[in-house]
Protein backbone atom coordinates (compact mmCIF):
# COMPACT_ATOMS: atom_id res chain seq x y z
CA MET A 1 16.30 20.27 -26.93
CA SER A 2 14.05 23.19 -25.67
CA GLU A 3 15.06 24.27 -21.86
CA PRO A 4 12.26 26.31 -19.44
CA THR A 5 12.87 29.41 -18.72
CA ARG A 6 13.46 30.94 -15.03
CA ARG A 7 10.10 33.04 -15.24
CA THR A 8 8.55 29.67 -16.30
CA LEU A 9 8.91 27.71 -13.53
CA LEU A 10 8.73 30.89 -11.12
CA THR A 11 5.39 31.98 -12.51
CA THR A 12 4.76 28.26 -11.88
CA SER A 13 5.89 27.66 -8.62
CA VAL A 14 3.00 28.07 -6.55
CA ALA A 15 1.56 25.23 -8.04
CA SER A 16 2.57 21.58 -7.75
CA ALA A 17 2.70 21.26 -11.75
CA LEU A 18 4.18 22.83 -14.67
CA THR A 19 2.73 23.04 -18.37
CA LEU A 20 5.69 22.81 -21.17
CA GLY A 21 4.81 23.73 -24.74
CA SER A 22 2.73 21.29 -26.75
CA VAL A 23 4.22 18.45 -29.05
CA SER A 24 1.38 18.63 -32.42
CA PHE A 25 1.00 15.73 -34.17
CA ALA A 26 -2.20 17.40 -35.64
CA HIS A 27 -1.40 16.65 -39.11
CA ALA A 28 0.39 13.14 -38.61
CA ALA A 29 -3.03 11.64 -39.85
CA ASP A 30 -2.10 13.38 -43.79
CA ALA A 31 1.10 12.98 -43.88
CA PRO A 32 2.77 9.72 -45.78
CA GLY A 33 3.88 6.67 -43.65
CA GLY A 34 2.40 5.09 -40.52
CA ASP A 35 4.40 6.46 -37.92
CA ARG A 36 5.78 9.76 -36.62
CA THR A 37 7.98 10.55 -34.33
CA GLU A 38 8.67 14.06 -32.10
CA THR A 39 11.72 14.49 -29.76
CA VAL A 40 11.49 16.67 -26.98
CA GLY A 41 13.65 17.65 -24.08
CA GLY A 42 14.62 20.20 -21.52
CA THR A 43 16.32 20.46 -17.95
CA LEU A 44 14.69 20.98 -14.57
CA PRO A 45 16.89 22.42 -11.82
CA PRO A 46 16.98 21.76 -8.23
CA GLY A 47 13.41 22.53 -7.00
CA SER A 48 11.10 21.68 -9.85
CA PRO A 49 7.47 21.61 -9.29
CA ASP A 50 6.45 17.60 -8.75
CA TYR A 51 4.65 17.08 -11.89
CA VAL A 52 5.76 18.30 -15.29
CA HIS A 53 3.13 17.89 -17.82
CA LEU A 54 3.92 17.72 -21.78
CA PRO A 55 1.08 18.50 -23.88
CA LEU A 56 0.36 15.93 -26.80
CA GLU A 57 -1.78 17.18 -29.59
CA ILE A 58 -3.03 13.32 -30.85
CA PRO A 59 -5.37 13.45 -34.32
CA ARG A 60 -7.90 11.00 -35.35
CA GLY A 61 -7.09 7.36 -36.53
CA VAL A 62 -4.10 6.68 -33.71
CA ARG A 63 -3.51 3.15 -33.58
CA GLU A 64 -0.79 2.66 -31.01
CA ILE A 65 0.93 5.59 -28.81
CA HIS A 66 4.90 4.56 -27.75
CA VAL A 67 6.78 6.60 -25.11
CA ALA A 68 10.47 6.06 -24.49
CA TYR A 69 11.80 8.62 -22.22
CA SER A 70 15.77 9.28 -20.88
CA TYR A 71 17.46 11.44 -18.56
CA ASP A 72 20.79 11.70 -17.35
CA ARG A 73 22.56 10.45 -14.02
CA PRO A 74 25.61 12.61 -13.05
CA ALA A 75 27.56 12.08 -10.32
CA VAL A 76 26.87 13.82 -7.05
CA PRO A 77 28.20 14.21 -3.42
CA ALA A 78 28.00 11.26 -0.53
CA GLY A 79 24.42 12.69 0.90
CA THR A 80 23.09 14.42 -2.02
CA GLN A 81 20.57 13.55 -4.13
CA GLY A 82 20.69 12.32 -7.68
CA ASN A 83 18.63 12.35 -10.72
CA ALA A 84 15.13 10.44 -10.57
CA LEU A 85 12.43 10.72 -12.97
CA ASP A 86 9.31 9.04 -13.23
CA ILE A 87 6.37 8.76 -15.61
CA GLY A 88 3.06 7.87 -17.13
CA ILE A 89 0.16 9.56 -19.25
CA PHE A 90 -3.19 10.98 -19.12
CA ASP A 91 -5.80 11.27 -22.35
CA GLN A 92 -7.67 13.73 -23.57
CA HIS A 93 -10.01 14.01 -20.29
CA GLY A 94 -6.90 15.64 -18.98
CA THR A 95 -4.51 16.14 -15.66
CA GLU A 96 -7.32 17.21 -13.28
CA LEU A 97 -6.55 15.96 -9.63
CA GLY A 98 -9.33 12.56 -9.50
CA GLY A 99 -10.51 12.90 -13.05
CA GLU A 100 -11.17 10.55 -15.56
CA GLY A 101 -7.78 11.46 -17.39
CA PHE A 102 -5.34 8.49 -16.03
CA ARG A 103 -4.31 6.11 -18.62
CA GLY A 104 -1.24 4.58 -17.09
CA TRP A 105 1.87 4.86 -14.57
CA SER A 106 5.42 3.23 -14.13
CA GLY A 107 7.02 5.60 -12.21
CA GLY A 108 10.29 4.88 -12.62
CA ALA A 109 10.02 1.48 -13.17
CA ARG A 110 10.53 1.22 -17.19
CA LYS A 111 12.07 3.57 -19.68
CA ASP A 112 9.31 3.17 -22.91
CA PHE A 113 5.55 2.30 -22.96
CA SER A 114 2.63 1.73 -25.42
CA LEU A 115 -1.31 2.28 -25.32
CA ARG A 116 -3.36 0.61 -28.22
CA THR A 117 -7.15 0.20 -27.83
CA ASP A 118 -6.74 -3.96 -27.56
CA GLU A 119 -3.53 -4.46 -25.17
CA ALA A 120 -0.95 -1.94 -23.09
CA THR A 121 2.32 -2.44 -21.44
CA PRO A 122 1.69 -3.33 -17.75
CA GLY A 123 0.77 -0.34 -15.34
CA TYR A 124 -1.33 1.21 -18.84
CA VAL A 125 -4.51 0.93 -19.49
CA ALA A 126 -5.76 -0.27 -22.88
CA GLY A 127 -8.36 1.85 -24.68
CA PRO A 128 -9.60 4.39 -27.41
CA LEU A 129 -6.84 6.51 -28.46
CA ARG A 130 -9.02 9.54 -29.22
CA ALA A 131 -8.18 12.87 -30.80
CA GLY A 132 -7.15 15.87 -28.58
CA THR A 133 -4.77 16.99 -25.97
CA TRP A 134 -3.10 14.08 -24.05
CA PHE A 135 -0.80 14.97 -21.40
CA VAL A 136 3.13 12.62 -20.82
CA VAL A 137 3.50 13.26 -16.69
CA LEU A 138 7.17 13.72 -15.73
CA ALA A 139 7.52 13.78 -12.04
CA PRO A 140 11.30 14.82 -10.66
CA TYR A 141 11.44 12.76 -7.54
CA THR A 142 14.93 13.90 -6.95
CA VAL A 143 17.09 16.53 -8.93
CA ALA A 144 20.49 16.60 -8.50
CA PRO A 145 22.27 19.52 -8.20
CA GLN A 146 23.63 20.18 -11.71
CA GLY A 147 19.85 20.09 -13.04
CA LEU A 148 18.31 16.81 -14.51
CA THR A 149 18.18 16.64 -18.33
CA TYR A 150 15.50 14.41 -20.17
CA SER A 151 14.72 13.59 -23.70
CA VAL A 152 10.26 12.40 -23.69
CA THR A 153 10.48 10.66 -27.53
CA ILE A 154 6.96 9.98 -28.93
CA THR A 155 5.50 8.22 -31.93
CA LEU A 156 1.91 7.77 -33.13
CA ARG A 157 1.36 4.72 -34.95
CA PHE A 158 -1.39 4.95 -37.34
CA GLY A 159 -4.21 2.43 -38.73
CA ALA A 160 -7.21 -0.01 -37.50
CA SER A 161 -7.57 -0.59 -34.08
CA LEU A 162 -8.86 -3.73 -32.40
CA PRO A 163 -11.80 -3.81 -29.61
CA THR A 164 -11.06 -3.11 -26.42
CA PRO A 165 -11.63 -6.31 -24.38
CA ARG A 166 -13.69 -6.39 -21.29
CA PRO A 167 -11.52 -6.91 -18.00
CA VAL A 168 -12.68 -10.08 -16.05
CA TYR A 169 -11.69 -9.78 -12.13
CA PRO A 170 -11.41 -12.28 -9.62
CA PRO A 171 -14.62 -13.71 -7.84
CA GLU A 172 -14.99 -11.91 -4.34
CA ARG A 173 -15.51 -14.90 -2.47
CA ALA A 174 -13.56 -18.56 -2.25
CA LYS A 175 -14.76 -21.65 -0.80
CA GLY A 176 -13.32 -21.01 2.90
CA ARG A 177 -13.98 -22.36 6.34
CA GLY A 178 -16.78 -20.19 7.57
CA ARG A 179 -15.72 -18.25 10.40
CA ALA A 180 -12.48 -19.23 10.53
CA TRP A 181 -8.91 -17.36 11.19
CA TYR A 182 -7.81 -16.35 7.30
CA ARG A 183 -4.22 -15.69 6.38
CA GLY A 184 -3.14 -12.93 3.80
CA ASP A 185 -0.66 -10.60 2.42
CA SER A 186 -2.17 -7.82 1.66
CA HIS A 187 0.86 -5.66 0.46
CA LEU A 188 2.10 -7.05 -3.46
CA HIS A 189 3.91 -5.57 -6.29
CA THR A 190 4.60 -7.13 -10.00
CA VAL A 191 5.36 -6.62 -13.48
CA TYR A 192 2.50 -3.93 -13.51
CA SER A 193 4.31 -0.77 -11.30
CA ASP A 194 7.75 -2.02 -10.20
CA GLY A 195 7.69 -5.42 -9.08
CA ARG A 196 9.36 -8.17 -10.99
CA ARG A 197 7.22 -10.97 -10.66
CA THR A 198 4.19 -11.51 -12.76
CA PRO A 199 0.81 -12.31 -10.89
CA ALA A 200 1.10 -16.08 -11.68
CA GLU A 201 4.04 -16.19 -10.14
CA VAL A 202 2.80 -14.22 -6.93
CA ALA A 203 -0.24 -16.40 -6.77
CA ALA A 204 2.07 -19.19 -6.52
CA LEU A 205 4.21 -17.78 -4.06
CA ALA A 206 1.20 -17.08 -2.08
CA ARG A 207 -0.47 -20.64 -1.45
CA ALA A 208 3.15 -21.95 -0.73
CA ALA A 209 3.41 -19.61 1.96
CA GLY A 210 0.32 -21.22 3.42
CA LEU A 211 -1.73 -17.73 2.23
CA ASP A 212 -5.99 -17.91 2.39
CA PHE A 213 -5.93 -14.32 0.50
CA LEU A 214 -4.01 -12.04 -1.01
CA THR A 215 -4.25 -8.05 -2.45
CA ALA A 216 -2.48 -6.60 -5.43
CA THR A 217 -1.88 -3.24 -4.37
CA GLU A 218 0.45 -1.91 -7.30
CA HIS A 219 2.21 1.84 -7.18
CA ASN A 220 -0.34 4.26 -8.43
CA THR A 221 -2.15 2.47 -11.11
CA HIS A 222 -5.19 -0.02 -11.33
CA ALA A 223 -3.74 -1.42 -14.56
CA GLY A 224 -3.01 -4.80 -13.13
CA HIS A 225 -6.62 -5.48 -11.69
CA GLY A 226 -7.65 -7.49 -14.55
CA ALA A 227 -4.47 -9.46 -14.55
CA TRP A 228 -5.68 -11.99 -11.81
CA ALA A 229 -9.35 -13.77 -12.14
CA GLU A 230 -7.32 -16.91 -13.45
CA HIS A 231 -4.76 -16.98 -10.65
CA ALA A 232 -8.12 -17.20 -7.88
CA GLY A 233 -9.25 -20.40 -6.55
CA ASP A 234 -11.07 -22.35 -4.15
CA ASP A 235 -8.25 -21.82 -1.96
CA LEU A 236 -6.91 -18.45 -2.69
CA LEU A 237 -9.31 -15.12 -2.63
CA ILE A 238 -7.52 -12.19 -4.32
CA LEU A 239 -8.62 -8.62 -3.45
CA LEU A 240 -7.78 -5.96 -5.54
CA GLY A 241 -6.34 -2.29 -4.70
CA GLU A 242 -3.19 0.47 -5.21
CA GLU A 243 -0.20 1.64 -2.98
CA VAL A 244 -1.20 5.55 -3.31
CA THR A 245 2.38 6.90 -3.35
CA THR A 246 2.75 10.61 -2.80
CA ARG A 247 5.48 12.63 -1.77
CA ASN A 248 4.52 12.70 1.75
CA GLY A 249 3.81 9.09 2.51
CA HIS A 250 2.22 5.64 1.05
CA VAL A 251 -1.41 4.51 1.68
CA LEU A 252 -2.81 1.41 0.40
CA ALA A 253 -6.23 1.56 -1.39
CA LEU A 254 -7.08 -2.03 0.12
CA GLY A 255 -9.41 -4.25 -0.76
CA THR A 256 -11.54 -1.42 -3.30
CA GLU A 257 -13.98 -2.44 -6.60
CA PRO A 258 -12.27 -3.72 -9.28
CA GLY A 259 -11.08 -0.57 -11.79
CA THR A 260 -10.75 1.68 -8.71
CA PHE A 261 -7.80 3.99 -8.88
CA VAL A 262 -6.88 6.43 -6.46
CA ASP A 263 -4.86 9.50 -7.66
CA TRP A 264 -1.76 10.51 -5.41
CA ARG A 265 -0.52 13.79 -6.72
CA TYR A 266 -1.02 15.97 -3.99
CA ARG A 267 1.00 16.80 -0.45
CA ALA A 268 0.39 17.03 2.96
CA ARG A 269 -0.01 20.80 2.63
CA GLU A 270 -2.65 20.79 0.13
CA ASN A 271 -5.20 19.16 2.78
CA ARG A 272 -6.74 16.45 0.08
CA PHE A 273 -5.36 13.11 1.45
CA GLY A 274 -9.36 13.36 3.31
CA HIS A 275 -11.35 13.62 0.40
CA PHE A 276 -9.04 10.71 -1.59
CA ALA A 277 -9.92 8.54 1.89
CA ARG A 278 -13.53 9.28 1.52
CA ALA A 279 -13.06 7.98 -2.07
CA ILE A 280 -11.31 4.67 -1.13
CA ARG A 281 -14.11 3.96 1.61
CA ARG A 282 -16.87 4.27 -1.48
CA ALA A 283 -15.00 1.89 -3.41
CA GLY A 284 -15.70 -0.44 -0.54
CA GLY A 285 -12.15 -0.43 0.53
CA LEU A 286 -9.67 0.03 3.46
CA VAL A 287 -7.56 3.07 4.26
CA VAL A 288 -4.27 1.73 5.36
CA PRO A 289 -0.95 4.23 6.22
CA ALA A 290 1.85 2.02 4.77
CA HIS A 291 5.19 1.54 6.56
CA PRO A 292 4.50 4.96 8.34
CA HIS A 293 7.98 5.73 9.70
CA ALA A 294 10.48 4.20 6.61
CA THR A 295 13.54 6.12 5.42
CA CYS A 296 13.14 6.12 1.70
CA ILE A 297 12.55 9.99 0.46
CA GLY A 298 8.47 10.21 0.38
CA CYS A 299 7.62 7.05 2.35
CA ASN A 300 7.20 8.42 6.19
CA TRP A 301 3.57 8.82 6.75
CA LYS A 302 2.52 12.73 6.87
CA PHE A 303 -0.76 12.64 6.32
CA GLY A 304 -2.02 11.76 10.63
CA PHE A 305 -3.92 8.90 11.28
CA GLY A 306 -7.29 10.25 11.76
CA ASP A 307 -8.68 8.74 7.99
CA ALA A 308 -6.97 5.55 8.49
CA ASP A 309 -8.97 2.53 9.19
CA ALA A 310 -6.23 0.44 10.13
CA VAL A 311 -2.04 0.86 9.77
CA GLU A 312 0.56 -1.47 8.39
CA VAL A 313 2.78 -2.00 11.45
CA TRP A 314 5.30 -4.66 10.31
CA ASN A 315 6.26 -4.49 6.43
CA GLY A 316 8.83 -6.61 5.21
CA PRO A 317 11.48 -8.23 7.19
CA TYR A 318 11.78 -6.77 10.78
CA THR A 319 13.91 -3.60 11.36
CA PRO A 320 13.96 -0.97 13.28
CA ASP A 321 11.42 1.71 11.13
CA ASP A 322 8.99 -1.15 12.23
CA GLU A 323 9.84 -0.94 15.79
CA VAL A 324 9.36 2.77 16.10
CA SER A 325 5.96 2.06 13.55
CA LEU A 326 4.87 -0.30 16.75
CA ALA A 327 6.20 1.94 19.26
CA GLY A 328 4.27 4.83 17.55
CA TRP A 329 1.08 2.61 17.43
CA ASP A 330 0.87 1.60 20.90
CA ALA A 331 1.46 5.24 22.09
CA ALA A 332 -1.65 5.86 20.46
CA LEU A 333 -3.44 3.05 22.16
CA ALA A 334 -2.73 4.34 25.20
CA GLN A 335 -3.59 7.81 24.17
CA GLY A 336 -7.12 5.99 23.35
CA ARG A 337 -6.79 6.55 19.63
CA TRP A 338 -7.39 3.17 18.08
CA THR A 339 -6.75 1.67 14.73
CA PRO A 340 -6.29 -1.77 13.69
CA ALA A 341 -3.03 -2.70 13.55
CA ILE A 342 -1.52 -5.15 10.04
CA GLY A 343 1.46 -6.62 8.87
CA ASN A 344 2.44 -7.56 5.22
CA SER A 345 5.14 -8.14 2.76
CA ASP A 346 5.60 -5.79 0.43
CA ALA A 347 7.27 -7.96 -1.64
CA HIS A 348 8.49 -6.86 -5.37
CA ARG A 349 11.11 -9.56 -6.48
CA ASP A 350 13.64 -12.44 -5.22
CA PRO A 351 14.43 -12.37 -2.65
CA ASP A 352 11.08 -10.78 -1.34
CA ARG A 353 9.34 -13.17 0.43
CA VAL A 354 5.82 -13.68 -0.25
CA GLY A 355 3.63 -14.06 3.40
CA THR A 356 6.47 -12.57 5.70
CA PRO A 357 4.76 -11.05 7.59
CA GLN A 358 1.28 -12.38 7.20
CA THR A 359 -1.94 -10.79 8.47
CA VAL A 360 -4.07 -13.19 10.60
CA VAL A 361 -8.05 -12.33 10.51
CA LEU A 362 -10.78 -13.92 11.87
CA ALA A 363 -13.81 -13.74 9.62
CA GLU A 364 -17.30 -15.22 9.32
CA ASP A 365 -16.14 -16.35 5.48
CA LEU A 366 -13.53 -16.25 2.84
CA SER A 367 -15.02 -13.48 0.78
CA ARG A 368 -13.63 -9.87 0.65
CA ASP A 369 -16.49 -8.15 2.78
CA ALA A 370 -15.70 -10.47 5.60
CA ILE A 371 -11.96 -10.22 5.42
CA LEU A 372 -12.32 -6.42 5.57
CA GLU A 373 -14.81 -6.34 8.30
CA GLY A 374 -12.38 -8.15 9.97
CA LEU A 375 -9.91 -6.38 9.60
CA ARG A 376 -11.10 -2.92 10.08
CA ALA A 377 -12.37 -4.57 13.77
CA GLY A 378 -9.07 -5.34 14.68
CA ARG A 379 -9.32 -8.96 14.99
CA SER A 380 -6.76 -9.98 13.69
CA TYR A 381 -2.74 -10.22 14.60
CA VAL A 382 0.47 -10.51 12.47
CA ALA A 383 3.23 -13.51 12.25
CA GLU A 384 6.28 -13.89 10.85
CA SER A 385 5.33 -16.83 8.60
CA SER A 386 2.26 -19.84 8.29
CA ALA A 387 3.50 -21.85 10.83
CA VAL A 388 3.21 -19.32 13.41
CA SER A 389 -0.20 -19.15 15.71
CA LEU A 390 -1.66 -17.36 18.60
CA ASP A 391 -4.59 -18.51 20.52
CA PHE A 392 -5.21 -14.92 23.00
CA SER A 393 -7.94 -13.97 25.13
CA VAL A 394 -8.78 -12.51 28.53
CA ARG A 395 -11.45 -14.11 31.20
CA ASP A 396 -13.44 -12.77 34.19
CA GLY A 397 -14.01 -14.82 37.09
CA ARG A 398 -17.52 -15.50 35.56
CA GLY A 399 -16.45 -17.32 32.40
CA ARG A 400 -17.09 -14.24 30.02
CA THR A 401 -14.33 -14.11 27.40
CA ALA A 402 -13.08 -11.37 24.75
CA GLY A 403 -10.77 -12.12 21.99
CA ILE A 404 -8.59 -9.98 19.59
CA GLY A 405 -9.87 -6.70 18.66
CA GLU A 406 -12.89 -7.44 21.88
CA ARG A 407 -14.24 -5.67 24.66
CA LEU A 408 -14.35 -7.10 28.19
CA PRO A 409 -16.51 -5.28 30.63
CA VAL A 410 -15.28 -5.63 34.11
CA PRO A 411 -15.90 -4.17 37.71
CA ALA A 412 -12.27 -1.88 37.38
CA ASP A 413 -10.67 -4.34 40.75
CA GLU A 414 -11.75 -7.71 39.62
CA PRO A 415 -8.77 -9.88 38.22
CA VAL A 416 -9.13 -11.00 35.04
CA THR A 417 -6.75 -13.77 33.60
CA VAL A 418 -4.63 -12.91 30.09
CA ARG A 419 -4.00 -16.14 28.19
CA LEU A 420 -1.99 -16.75 24.90
CA ALA A 421 -1.13 -20.20 23.45
CA VAL A 422 2.08 -19.78 20.63
CA THR A 423 2.44 -22.60 18.43
CA GLY A 424 5.40 -22.50 15.63
CA ALA A 425 7.68 -20.03 17.69
CA PRO A 426 11.01 -20.57 17.95
CA GLU A 427 12.29 -22.15 20.48
CA ALA A 428 13.89 -19.55 22.11
CA ALA A 429 11.33 -16.97 21.68
CA THR A 430 9.47 -14.75 24.08
CA VAL A 431 6.49 -14.25 25.22
CA ARG A 432 5.85 -10.53 26.15
CA PHE A 433 2.14 -8.98 27.68
CA VAL A 434 2.14 -5.44 26.65
CA THR A 435 -0.42 -2.40 28.58
CA ASP A 436 -1.01 1.19 28.54
CA GLN A 437 1.78 1.00 30.66
CA GLY A 438 4.54 -0.72 28.96
CA VAL A 439 5.46 -4.49 29.40
CA LEU A 440 4.06 -6.09 32.21
CA HIS A 441 4.85 -9.92 31.82
CA THR A 442 7.86 -11.55 29.80
CA VAL A 443 8.36 -15.43 29.71
CA PRO A 444 9.18 -18.32 27.19
CA ALA A 445 7.48 -18.46 24.74
CA ALA A 446 7.63 -22.71 24.44
CA GLY A 447 6.20 -25.21 26.08
CA ARG A 448 2.65 -24.53 27.56
CA PRO A 449 0.00 -21.40 27.46
CA VAL A 450 1.27 -18.27 29.20
CA GLU A 451 -0.88 -16.83 31.62
CA TRP A 452 -1.34 -13.05 33.64
CA THR A 453 -3.84 -11.88 35.56
CA THR A 454 -4.36 -8.29 36.00
CA THR A 455 -7.21 -6.17 36.79
CA ALA A 456 -9.26 -3.37 34.21
CA ALA A 457 -8.25 -0.28 36.74
CA TYR A 458 -4.20 -1.46 36.11
CA ALA A 459 -4.80 -2.13 32.04
CA THR A 460 -7.16 -0.36 30.24
CA TYR A 461 -5.62 -3.01 27.13
CA VAL A 462 -3.33 -5.85 26.87
CA ARG A 463 -1.89 -7.36 23.52
CA ALA A 464 0.94 -9.56 23.25
CA GLU A 465 3.91 -9.78 21.66
CA VAL A 466 6.60 -13.18 20.61
CA ARG A 467 9.97 -12.12 19.77
CA HIS A 468 13.13 -13.27 19.18
CA PRO A 469 16.32 -13.48 20.87
CA ALA A 470 17.72 -9.46 21.14
CA THR A 471 21.06 -9.55 19.63
CA LEU A 472 21.42 -5.96 20.41
CA PRO A 473 20.35 -5.34 23.66
CA PRO A 474 18.58 -3.62 25.32
CA LEU A 475 16.61 -3.13 22.26
CA PRO A 476 14.24 -6.08 22.24
CA GLY A 477 14.42 -9.23 19.42
CA ALA A 478 12.66 -8.66 16.37
CA LEU A 479 8.82 -9.79 16.11
CA VAL A 480 7.75 -13.17 15.71
CA ALA A 481 3.93 -12.05 15.87
CA PHE A 482 2.07 -9.58 18.03
CA THR A 483 -1.52 -8.99 18.59
CA ASN A 484 -3.95 -6.19 18.35
CA PRO A 485 -4.95 -5.43 21.83
CA VAL A 486 -8.19 -6.67 24.10
CA PHE A 487 -9.95 -3.93 25.43
CA LEU A 488 -10.91 -3.65 29.14
CA GLN A 489 -13.79 -1.71 30.17
CA ALA A 490 -14.32 -0.42 33.58
CA ARG A 491 -17.67 -0.14 34.82
CA ARG A 492 -18.77 0.92 37.57
CA VAL A 493 -20.54 -1.72 40.26
CA SER A 494 -23.32 -0.66 42.32
CA PRO A 495 -22.88 -1.00 46.34
CA GLY A 496 -23.91 -4.39 47.60
CA THR A 497 -23.64 -5.93 43.60
CA ARG A 498 -21.27 -7.58 41.55
């Protein structure tokens, strides 16, 4: 076991990574026997860099790389963070941010992994094991006051390699119903990151939840993109993406081209997020900050919303941090900053419910392009299940209407009628109409459609909420559903005309 010196840590602390001494297997191919194993370790102090690089000198002829690691978890006082150490690997292309070296990441979800040309542990990318300097990357997420003592064991297995299979990806279109409202869950995890379900199990649960589409979003890896094709069908469109899990918040790269990897190794202070947001869009995807006010370490979104195409306002079962996200999103609307809202389950394992909540989007057909365009335009609402449906619109005196995510140009003082029809809501639920002034109309949801009259001078937008009964008044009850806004665009009217 070797320990990085204080001088080493100090001289590298200006960067986000520390590089340790290399582990050499350079002559291993010439040694007798089929395997070669090396174990290294050390202790990382509190305040260590975000990433610790362990170089591996890999020779020719390697059939398989196997890495196992462990670390101590000493007791800490209440309120003090203990040890948490993530792991992954980069190949001979190196560890450059956004470079081509990424070969897999499991975070803290598993304690060992393997790579071969023909297959790899879920979360890791199968492919050639070429000679050169590879890097095991350790990420000390939190470090106890006593420090974090770790051990990494690397085993190389030599021999002939099998061909690398060509990945097969799900089709970008399903049968659909033409222009219609489609239900989806675009934040889901499987065994390819820290989930416990297989893609087959998630697809089955999506169908049972009444979904038309889903998006696979594993933490910091695209390695599972090729695992979904056989689970798509005429009844289920499967989109691909990634949950980019930085130290200053998580963002969904939603609906990117198959095989797209988005790097996560930066903080807000490094001013790199805009670069990767543009990369997501170039890959055809949407940039969606996830659970922006979540309370877990590193989950709270600190990059701002200037690069966002949408924002995940509701994440999983409705909680106070979702209420904070909703309030922050609404405050931005009142200031004229329009970013569509979506909701997803973020389901990982039992008893997480796929499709709770789900985003219902108006799209021209059930295809990747059409679904992403509907989400980007904000033609969507969020519901707690497929049992709940909303029909929300605003109509002026001449019968012109605007729906969710649309604008209705109207004279500033001309009355308009806001209408919401709800089906499937709990009997005791209430409807709330919300404008830039706040909640202006509240009625029971049960029975007939709800109507309310306002003007563009009085409300720059109107959106609808359906709520469960309050359990901790004066706080409102949990959401059953909510819509993106309809915007009232006040226009001047010449004297004597209407």
